[in-house]
Amino acid sequence: MSFISSIKGWVGEMQGTLAAKIQLDSQIYRSINNVTIPTPNGTTQIDHVIVSKYGIFVVETKNIKGWIYGEEKQAQWTQVLYGKKYRFQNPLLQNYRHSKAMAEFLGIEHSKIHSVVMFWSDCEFKTPMPSNVLDRGYSAHIKSKEEVLFTDEEVNEIYEAIKTGMLPKGWSTRRQHLNSLKERFSDKATCPKCGGELVLRTGRKGANAGKQFYGCSRFPSCRYVRDVEAKS
């Protein structure tokens, strides 16, 4: 990750922190930013975690400008800026791993975690997005979840478990996480998203019909794919 990318990510995280503090009642929504937790195959870093009786919100922030194209199950999305196209990882898939890791870390049901992707910069979605992918209405979306999933005591326990179990903030943890990412994505046989086995498959529909690719053995719960050339 470049220095510029790190700065952009930090800006997005700070915007999310500010919005949460201004518009969310701290007595109900307890926020922690920049959470790095250990996983069976390394670490995972989460921009924001908001703990409440209405569930745990795992938030991925993006500071990407321009036109944004993407579909829920695509491995990569596209940014168009000043006539140029740039690919970036599907943040929904990225945050799926984050939410699964948090559920395993806390020992709770994954259904009690809400995934939220927030684009803070000046961008425009050019394809329909799921309701949890936002470019506005961040706090309103969080407040829209009204089903009570945890008691007040459980909220306190979860919050303290995250605070005490997360890795300490700082460059040492950041470096450890970057090394974990490098190792995970260089592993040719293991899914970098969930740790499952990558298996050879053949596309059956559309433009990819007949084309071979490696997919996660845990499909459909994990939809990570990799080109054959990238694995060999």
C-alpha atoms as a PDB file:
ATOM      1  CA  MET A   1       0.000   0.000   0.000  1.00  0.00           C
ATOM      2  CA  SER A   2       1.411   3.408  -1.007  1.00  0.00           C
ATOM      3  CA  PHE A   3       1.756   6.413   1.291  1.00  0.00           C
ATOM      4  CA  ILE A   4      -0.917   8.259  -0.745  1.00  0.00           C
ATOM      5  CA  SER A   5      -3.317   5.325  -0.394  1.00  0.00           C
ATOM      6  CA  SER A   6      -2.696   5.272   3.335  1.00  0.00           C
ATOM      7  CA  ILE A   7      -3.485   8.989   3.591  1.00  0.00           C
ATOM      8  CA  LYS A   8      -6.705   8.558   1.573  1.00  0.00           C
ATOM      9  CA  GLY A   9      -7.757   5.695   3.812  1.00  0.00           C
ATOM     10  CA  TRP A  10      -6.994   7.723   6.934  1.00  0.00           C
ATOM     11  CA  VAL A  11      -9.102  10.626   5.638  1.00  0.00           C
ATOM     12  CA  GLY A  12     -12.065   8.311   5.080  1.00  0.00           C
ATOM     13  CA  GLU A  13     -11.694   6.792   8.532  1.00  0.00           C
ATOM     14  CA  MET A  14     -11.591  10.215  10.177  1.00  0.00           C
ATOM     15  CA  GLN A  15     -14.707  11.333   8.294  1.00  0.00           C
ATOM     16  CA  GLY A  16     -16.544   8.266   9.503  1.00  0.00           C
ATOM     17  CA  THR A  17     -15.419   8.822  13.065  1.00  0.00           C
ATOM     18  CA  LEU A  18     -16.563  12.441  12.988  1.00  0.00           C
ATOM     19  CA  ALA A  19     -19.957  11.582  11.507  1.00  0.00           C
ATOM     20  CA  ALA A  20     -20.530   8.903  14.107  1.00  0.00           C
ATOM     21  CA  LYS A  21     -19.626  11.212  16.992  1.00  0.00           C
ATOM     22  CA  ILE A  22     -21.815  14.044  15.743  1.00  0.00           C
ATOM     23  CA  GLN A  23     -24.943  12.125  14.751  1.00  0.00           C
ATOM     24  CA  LEU A  24     -24.985   8.933  16.831  1.00  0.00           C
ATOM     25  CA  ASP A  25     -25.870   8.865  20.523  1.00  0.00           C
ATOM     26  CA  SER A  26     -22.733   7.596  22.278  1.00  0.00           C
ATOM     27  CA  GLN A  27     -24.905   6.074  24.991  1.00  0.00           C
ATOM     28  CA  ILE A  28     -26.448   3.759  22.395  1.00  0.00           C
ATOM     29  CA  TYR A  29     -23.744   3.432  19.722  1.00  0.00           C
ATOM     30  CA  ARG A  30     -20.228   2.754  20.967  1.00  0.00           C
ATOM     31  CA  SER A  31     -17.660   3.365  18.221  1.00  0.00           C
ATOM     32  CA  ILE A  32     -14.120   2.088  17.791  1.00  0.00           C
ATOM     33  CA  ASN A  33     -12.039   3.035  14.745  1.00  0.00           C
ATOM     34  CA  ASN A  34      -9.041   1.314  13.171  1.00  0.00           C
ATOM     35  CA  VAL A  35      -9.587  -2.147  14.649  1.00  0.00           C
ATOM     36  CA  THR A  36      -7.050  -4.859  13.815  1.00  0.00           C
ATOM     37  CA  ILE A  37      -7.863  -8.326  15.108  1.00  0.00           C
ATOM     38  CA  PRO A  38      -6.048 -11.657  14.777  1.00  0.00           C
ATOM     39  CA  THR A  39      -7.493 -14.334  12.492  1.00  0.00           C
ATOM     40  CA  PRO A  40      -6.549 -17.999  11.866  1.00  0.00           C
ATOM     41  CA  ASN A  41      -4.579 -16.928   8.757  1.00  0.00           C
ATOM     42  CA  GLY A  42      -3.119 -13.582   9.838  1.00  0.00           C
ATOM     43  CA  THR A  43      -4.946 -10.384  10.751  1.00  0.00           C
ATOM     44  CA  THR A  44      -7.779  -8.257   9.440  1.00  0.00           C
ATOM     45  CA  GLN A  45      -8.119  -4.474   9.734  1.00  0.00           C
ATOM     46  CA  ILE A  46     -11.534  -2.829  10.074  1.00  0.00           C
ATOM     47  CA  ASP A  47     -12.025   0.911   9.608  1.00  0.00           C
ATOM     48  CA  HIS A  48     -14.882   1.261  12.118  1.00  0.00           C
ATOM     49  CA  VAL A  49     -16.793  -0.966  14.481  1.00  0.00           C
ATOM     50  CA  ILE A  50     -19.962   0.367  16.095  1.00  0.00           C
ATOM     51  CA  VAL A  51     -21.418  -1.730  18.908  1.00  0.00           C
ATOM     52  CA  SER A  52     -25.069  -1.313  19.823  1.00  0.00           C
ATOM     53  CA  LYS A  53     -28.057  -3.279  21.051  1.00  0.00           C
ATOM     54  CA  TYR A  54     -29.211  -3.274  17.420  1.00  0.00           C
ATOM     55  CA  GLY A  55     -26.174  -5.241  16.303  1.00  0.00           C
ATOM     56  CA  ILE A  56     -22.534  -4.688  15.492  1.00  0.00           C
ATOM     57  CA  PHE A  57     -21.819  -2.459  12.517  1.00  0.00           C
ATOM     58  CA  VAL A  58     -18.626  -3.296  10.633  1.00  0.00           C
ATOM     59  CA  VAL A  59     -17.842  -0.324   8.413  1.00  0.00           C
ATOM     60  CA  GLU A  60     -15.526  -0.166   5.410  1.00  0.00           C
ATOM     61  CA  THR A  61     -14.790   3.412   4.312  1.00  0.00           C
ATOM     62  CA  LYS A  62     -13.699   4.466   0.832  1.00  0.00           C
ATOM     63  CA  ASN A  63     -12.215   7.803  -0.211  1.00  0.00           C
ATOM     64  CA  ILE A  64     -12.563   7.334  -3.991  1.00  0.00           C
ATOM     65  CA  LYS A  65     -13.708  10.090  -6.362  1.00  0.00           C
ATOM     66  CA  GLY A  66     -15.359   9.940  -9.778  1.00  0.00           C
ATOM     67  CA  TRP A  67     -17.857   7.509 -11.242  1.00  0.00           C
ATOM     68  CA  ILE A  68     -18.157   4.153  -9.495  1.00  0.00           C
ATOM     69  CA  TYR A  69     -19.279   1.004 -11.308  1.00  0.00           C
ATOM     70  CA  GLY A  70     -19.783  -2.300  -9.548  1.00  0.00           C
ATOM     71  CA  GLU A  71     -22.039  -5.258  -8.903  1.00  0.00           C
ATOM     72  CA  GLU A  72     -22.528  -7.083  -5.627  1.00  0.00           C
ATOM     73  CA  LYS A  73     -20.774 -10.297  -6.687  1.00  0.00           C
ATOM     74  CA  GLN A  74     -18.009  -8.883  -8.895  1.00  0.00           C
ATOM     75  CA  ALA A  75     -14.462  -9.434  -7.656  1.00  0.00           C
ATOM     76  CA  GLN A  76     -13.463  -5.893  -8.658  1.00  0.00           C
ATOM     77  CA  TRP A  77     -15.243  -2.588  -9.146  1.00  0.00           C
ATOM     78  CA  THR A  78     -14.269   0.258 -11.465  1.00  0.00           C
ATOM     79  CA  GLN A  79     -13.530   3.914 -10.805  1.00  0.00           C
ATOM     80  CA  VAL A  80     -13.662   6.325 -13.754  1.00  0.00           C
ATOM     81  CA  LEU A  81     -11.859   9.586 -13.089  1.00  0.00           C
ATOM     82  CA  TYR A  82     -10.958  12.169 -15.729  1.00  0.00           C
ATOM     83  CA  GLY A  83     -11.615   9.620 -18.450  1.00  0.00           C
ATOM     84  CA  LYS A  84      -9.326   6.963 -16.973  1.00  0.00           C
ATOM     85  CA  LYS A  85     -10.420   3.650 -15.481  1.00  0.00           C
ATOM     86  CA  TYR A  86      -9.028   2.156 -12.290  1.00  0.00           C
ATOM     87  CA  ARG A  87      -9.866  -1.193 -10.710  1.00  0.00           C
ATOM     88  CA  PHE A  88     -10.273  -1.724  -6.992  1.00  0.00           C
ATOM     89  CA  GLN A  89     -11.346  -4.605  -4.802  1.00  0.00           C
ATOM     90  CA  ASN A  90     -15.085  -5.059  -4.326  1.00  0.00           C
ATOM     91  CA  PRO A  91     -15.567  -3.478  -0.876  1.00  0.00           C
ATOM     92  CA  LEU A  92     -18.585  -5.680  -0.149  1.00  0.00           C
ATOM     93  CA  LEU A  93     -16.459  -8.818  -0.482  1.00  0.00           C
ATOM     94  CA  GLN A  94     -13.686  -7.114   1.448  1.00  0.00           C
ATOM     95  CA  ASN A  95     -16.055  -6.263   4.285  1.00  0.00           C
ATOM     96  CA  TYR A  96     -17.604  -9.738   4.223  1.00  0.00           C
ATOM     97  CA  ARG A  97     -14.263 -11.112   5.387  1.00  0.00           C
ATOM     98  CA  HIS A  98     -14.087  -8.398   8.031  1.00  0.00           C
ATOM     99  CA  SER A  99     -17.543  -9.228   9.378  1.00  0.00           C
ATOM    100  CA  LYS A 100     -16.887 -12.986   9.369  1.00  0.00           C
ATOM    101  CA  ALA A 101     -13.619 -12.438  11.207  1.00  0.00           C
ATOM    102  CA  MET A 102     -15.347 -10.263  13.801  1.00  0.00           C
ATOM    103  CA  ALA A 103     -18.082 -12.864  14.325  1.00  0.00           C
ATOM    104  CA  GLU A 104     -15.468 -15.583  14.877  1.00  0.00           C
ATOM    105  CA  PHE A 105     -13.372 -13.308  17.084  1.00  0.00           C
ATOM    106  CA  LEU A 106     -16.348 -12.584  19.359  1.00  0.00           C
ATOM    107  CA  GLY A 107     -17.973 -16.011  19.075  1.00  0.00           C
ATOM    108  CA  ILE A 108     -21.339 -14.610  17.956  1.00  0.00           C
ATOM    109  CA  GLU A 109     -23.705 -15.275  15.063  1.00  0.00           C
ATOM    110  CA  HIS A 110     -22.687 -13.598  11.819  1.00  0.00           C
ATOM    111  CA  SER A 111     -26.307 -12.516  11.325  1.00  0.00           C
ATOM    112  CA  LYS A 112     -25.913 -10.079  14.243  1.00  0.00           C
ATOM    113  CA  ILE A 113     -23.274  -8.108  12.347  1.00  0.00           C
ATOM    114  CA  HIS A 114     -24.268  -5.436   9.828  1.00  0.00           C
ATOM    115  CA  SER A 115     -21.875  -4.734   6.966  1.00  0.00           C
ATOM    116  CA  VAL A 116     -21.725  -1.100   5.831  1.00  0.00           C
ATOM    117  CA  VAL A 117     -19.643   0.359   2.987  1.00  0.00           C
ATOM    118  CA  MET A 118     -19.385   4.147   2.961  1.00  0.00           C
ATOM    119  CA  PHE A 119     -17.901   6.261   0.147  1.00  0.00           C
ATOM    120  CA  TRP A 120     -17.011   9.618   1.714  1.00  0.00           C
ATOM    121  CA  SER A 121     -15.487  11.392  -1.256  1.00  0.00           C
ATOM    122  CA  ASP A 122     -17.166  13.197  -4.169  1.00  0.00           C
ATOM    123  CA  CYS A 123     -18.289  10.208  -6.209  1.00  0.00           C
ATOM    124  CA  GLU A 124     -21.338   9.062  -8.150  1.00  0.00           C
ATOM    125  CA  PHE A 125     -22.638   5.516  -8.376  1.00  0.00           C
ATOM    126  CA  LYS A 126     -23.288   4.665 -12.026  1.00  0.00           C
ATOM    127  CA  THR A 127     -24.753   1.216 -11.306  1.00  0.00           C
ATOM    128  CA  PRO A 128     -27.435   0.250  -8.753  1.00  0.00           C
ATOM    129  CA  MET A 129     -25.903  -0.464  -5.341  1.00  0.00           C
ATOM    130  CA  PRO A 130     -27.161  -2.596  -2.435  1.00  0.00           C
ATOM    131  CA  SER A 131     -28.765  -0.640   0.406  1.00  0.00           C
ATOM    132  CA  ASN A 132     -25.679  -0.993   2.612  1.00  0.00           C
ATOM    133  CA  VAL A 133     -23.368   0.708   0.075  1.00  0.00           C
ATOM    134  CA  LEU A 134     -23.671   4.440   0.701  1.00  0.00           C
ATOM    135  CA  ASP A 135     -22.421   7.814  -0.444  1.00  0.00           C
ATOM    136  CA  ARG A 136     -24.690   9.674   1.992  1.00  0.00           C
ATOM    137  CA  GLY A 137     -27.045   8.915   4.869  1.00  0.00           C
ATOM    138  CA  TYR A 138     -24.434   7.074   6.944  1.00  0.00           C
ATOM    139  CA  SER A 139     -25.939   7.702  10.390  1.00  0.00           C
ATOM    140  CA  ALA A 140     -29.508   7.355   9.111  1.00  0.00           C
ATOM    141  CA  HIS A 141     -28.709   3.914   7.715  1.00  0.00           C
ATOM    142  CA  ILE A 142     -27.264   2.769  11.029  1.00  0.00           C
ATOM    143  CA  LYS A 143     -30.260   4.138  12.937  1.00  0.00           C
ATOM    144  CA  SER A 144     -32.624   2.311  10.559  1.00  0.00           C
ATOM    145  CA  LYS A 145     -31.721  -0.996  12.225  1.00  0.00           C
ATOM    146  CA  GLU A 146     -34.271  -1.236  15.033  1.00  0.00           C
ATOM    147  CA  GLU A 147     -34.406  -4.917  15.966  1.00  0.00           C
ATOM    148  CA  VAL A 148     -32.829  -5.416  19.403  1.00  0.00           C
ATOM    149  CA  LEU A 149     -30.170  -8.128  19.181  1.00  0.00           C
ATOM    150  CA  PHE A 150     -28.150  -7.593  22.377  1.00  0.00           C
ATOM    151  CA  THR A 151     -28.871  -6.609  25.958  1.00  0.00           C
ATOM    152  CA  ASP A 152     -27.136  -3.575  27.451  1.00  0.00           C
ATOM    153  CA  GLU A 153     -24.881  -5.934  29.400  1.00  0.00           C
ATOM    154  CA  GLU A 154     -23.932  -7.815  26.243  1.00  0.00           C
ATOM    155  CA  VAL A 155     -23.154  -4.523  24.485  1.00  0.00           C
ATOM    156  CA  ASN A 156     -20.716  -3.623  27.272  1.00  0.00           C
ATOM    157  CA  GLU A 157     -19.123  -7.079  27.159  1.00  0.00           C
ATOM    158  CA  ILE A 158     -18.704  -6.982  23.372  1.00  0.00           C
ATOM    159  CA  TYR A 159     -17.258  -3.476  23.434  1.00  0.00           C
ATOM    160  CA  GLU A 160     -14.715  -4.422  26.110  1.00  0.00           C
ATOM    161  CA  ALA A 161     -13.856  -7.673  24.302  1.00  0.00           C
ATOM    162  CA  ILE A 162     -12.994  -5.733  21.152  1.00  0.00           C
ATOM    163  CA  LYS A 163     -11.051  -3.036  23.004  1.00  0.00           C
ATOM    164  CA  THR A 164      -8.966  -5.536  24.971  1.00  0.00           C
ATOM    165  CA  GLY A 165      -8.601  -8.137  22.199  1.00  0.00           C
ATOM    166  CA  MET A 166      -7.675  -5.888  19.276  1.00  0.00           C
ATOM    167  CA  LEU A 167      -4.015  -5.377  18.444  1.00  0.00           C
ATOM    168  CA  PRO A 168      -2.525  -2.094  19.694  1.00  0.00           C
ATOM    169  CA  LYS A 169      -2.743   0.814  17.270  1.00  0.00           C
ATOM    170  CA  GLY A 170       0.461   2.004  15.640  1.00  0.00           C
ATOM    171  CA  TRP A 171       2.906   1.327  12.844  1.00  0.00           C
ATOM    172  CA  SER A 172       3.971  -2.019  14.319  1.00  0.00           C
ATOM    173  CA  THR A 173       0.438  -3.412  14.013  1.00  0.00           C
ATOM    174  CA  ARG A 174       0.017  -1.739  10.617  1.00  0.00           C
ATOM    175  CA  ARG A 175       3.191  -3.391   9.367  1.00  0.00           C
ATOM    176  CA  GLN A 176       2.080  -6.750  10.752  1.00  0.00           C
ATOM    177  CA  HIS A 177      -1.247  -6.427   8.939  1.00  0.00           C
ATOM    178  CA  LEU A 178       0.390  -5.453   5.632  1.00  0.00           C
ATOM    179  CA  ASN A 179       2.693  -8.478   5.908  1.00  0.00           C
ATOM    180  CA  SER A 180      -0.372 -10.624   6.604  1.00  0.00           C
ATOM    181  CA  LEU A 181      -2.087  -9.273   3.474  1.00  0.00           C
ATOM    182  CA  LYS A 182       0.990  -9.909   1.348  1.00  0.00           C
ATOM    183  CA  GLU A 183       1.286 -13.476   2.608  1.00  0.00           C
ATOM    184  CA  ARG A 184      -2.418 -14.198   2.208  1.00  0.00           C
ATOM    185  CA  PHE A 185      -2.659 -12.913  -1.370  1.00  0.00           C
ATOM    186  CA  SER A 186       0.554 -14.690  -2.402  1.00  0.00           C
ATOM    187  CA  ASP A 187      -0.748 -18.050  -1.205  1.00  0.00           C
ATOM    188  CA  LYS A 188      -1.613 -19.876  -4.430  1.00  0.00           C
ATOM    189  CA  ALA A 189      -3.854 -22.547  -2.894  1.00  0.00           C
ATOM    190  CA  THR A 190      -5.776 -20.669  -0.203  1.00  0.00           C
ATOM    191  CA  CYS A 191      -8.604 -18.143  -0.566  1.00  0.00           C
ATOM    192  CA  PRO A 192      -7.333 -14.788   0.754  1.00  0.00           C
ATOM    193  CA  LYS A 193     -10.871 -13.833   1.768  1.00  0.00           C
ATOM    194  CA  CYS A 194     -11.884 -16.651   4.079  1.00  0.00           C
ATOM    195  CA  GLY A 195      -9.033 -19.171   4.181  1.00  0.00           C
ATOM    196  CA  GLY A 196     -10.869 -21.836   2.190  1.00  0.00           C
ATOM    197  CA  GLU A 197      -9.276 -23.955  -0.534  1.00  0.00           C
ATOM    198  CA  LEU A 198      -9.101 -22.577  -4.089  1.00  0.00           C
ATOM    199  CA  VAL A 199     -10.461 -25.069  -6.632  1.00  0.00           C
ATOM    200  CA  LEU A 200     -10.387 -25.066 -10.441  1.00  0.00           C
ATOM    201  CA  ARG A 201     -13.754 -24.281 -12.024  1.00  0.00           C
ATOM    202  CA  THR A 202     -15.124 -23.568 -15.502  1.00  0.00           C
ATOM    203  CA  GLY A 203     -17.510 -20.707 -16.260  1.00  0.00           C
ATOM    204  CA  ARG A 204     -20.941 -21.830 -17.469  1.00  0.00           C
ATOM    205  CA  LYS A 205     -22.685 -18.600 -18.418  1.00  0.00           C
ATOM    206  CA  GLY A 206     -22.175 -15.305 -20.193  1.00  0.00           C
ATOM    207  CA  ALA A 207     -18.887 -13.982 -21.487  1.00  0.00           C
ATOM    208  CA  ASN A 208     -16.918 -16.312 -19.182  1.00  0.00           C
ATOM    209  CA  ALA A 209     -18.553 -19.513 -20.438  1.00  0.00           C
ATOM    210  CA  GLY A 210     -15.865 -22.154 -20.965  1.00  0.00           C
ATOM    211  CA  LYS A 211     -13.196 -20.060 -19.261  1.00  0.00           C
ATOM    212  CA  GLN A 212     -11.344 -21.660 -16.356  1.00  0.00           C
ATOM    213  CA  PHE A 213     -10.751 -19.872 -13.089  1.00  0.00           C
ATOM    214  CA  TYR A 214     -10.006 -20.639  -9.466  1.00  0.00           C
ATOM    215  CA  GLY A 215     -12.867 -20.140  -7.029  1.00  0.00           C
ATOM    216  CA  CYS A 216     -13.281 -20.559  -3.296  1.00  0.00           C
ATOM    217  CA  SER A 217     -14.462 -24.005  -2.183  1.00  0.00           C
ATOM    218  CA  ARG A 218     -16.810 -22.274   0.279  1.00  0.00           C
ATOM    219  CA  PHE A 219     -18.952 -20.821  -2.521  1.00  0.00           C
ATOM    220  CA  PRO A 220     -21.633 -19.421  -2.290  1.00  0.00           C
ATOM    221  CA  SER A 221     -20.816 -18.065   1.192  1.00  0.00           C
ATOM    222  CA  CYS A 222     -17.520 -16.812  -0.246  1.00  0.00           C
ATOM    223  CA  ARG A 223     -17.394 -15.681  -3.883  1.00  0.00           C
ATOM    224  CA  TYR A 224     -13.678 -14.969  -4.311  1.00  0.00           C
ATOM    225  CA  VAL A 225     -12.298 -15.795  -7.772  1.00  0.00           C
ATOM    226  CA  ARG A 226      -8.817 -15.664  -9.275  1.00  0.00           C
ATOM    227  CA  ASP A 227      -7.634 -16.015 -12.870  1.00  0.00           C
ATOM    228  CA  VAL A 228      -5.783 -19.225 -13.711  1.00  0.00           C
ATOM    229  CA  GLU A 229      -2.754 -17.167 -14.755  1.00  0.00           C
ATOM    230  CA  ALA A 230      -2.643 -15.496 -11.336  1.00  0.00           C
ATOM    231  CA  LYS A 231      -2.402 -18.827  -9.544  1.00  0.00           C
ATOM    232  CA  SER A 232       0.210 -20.562 -11.660  1.00  0.00           C
END
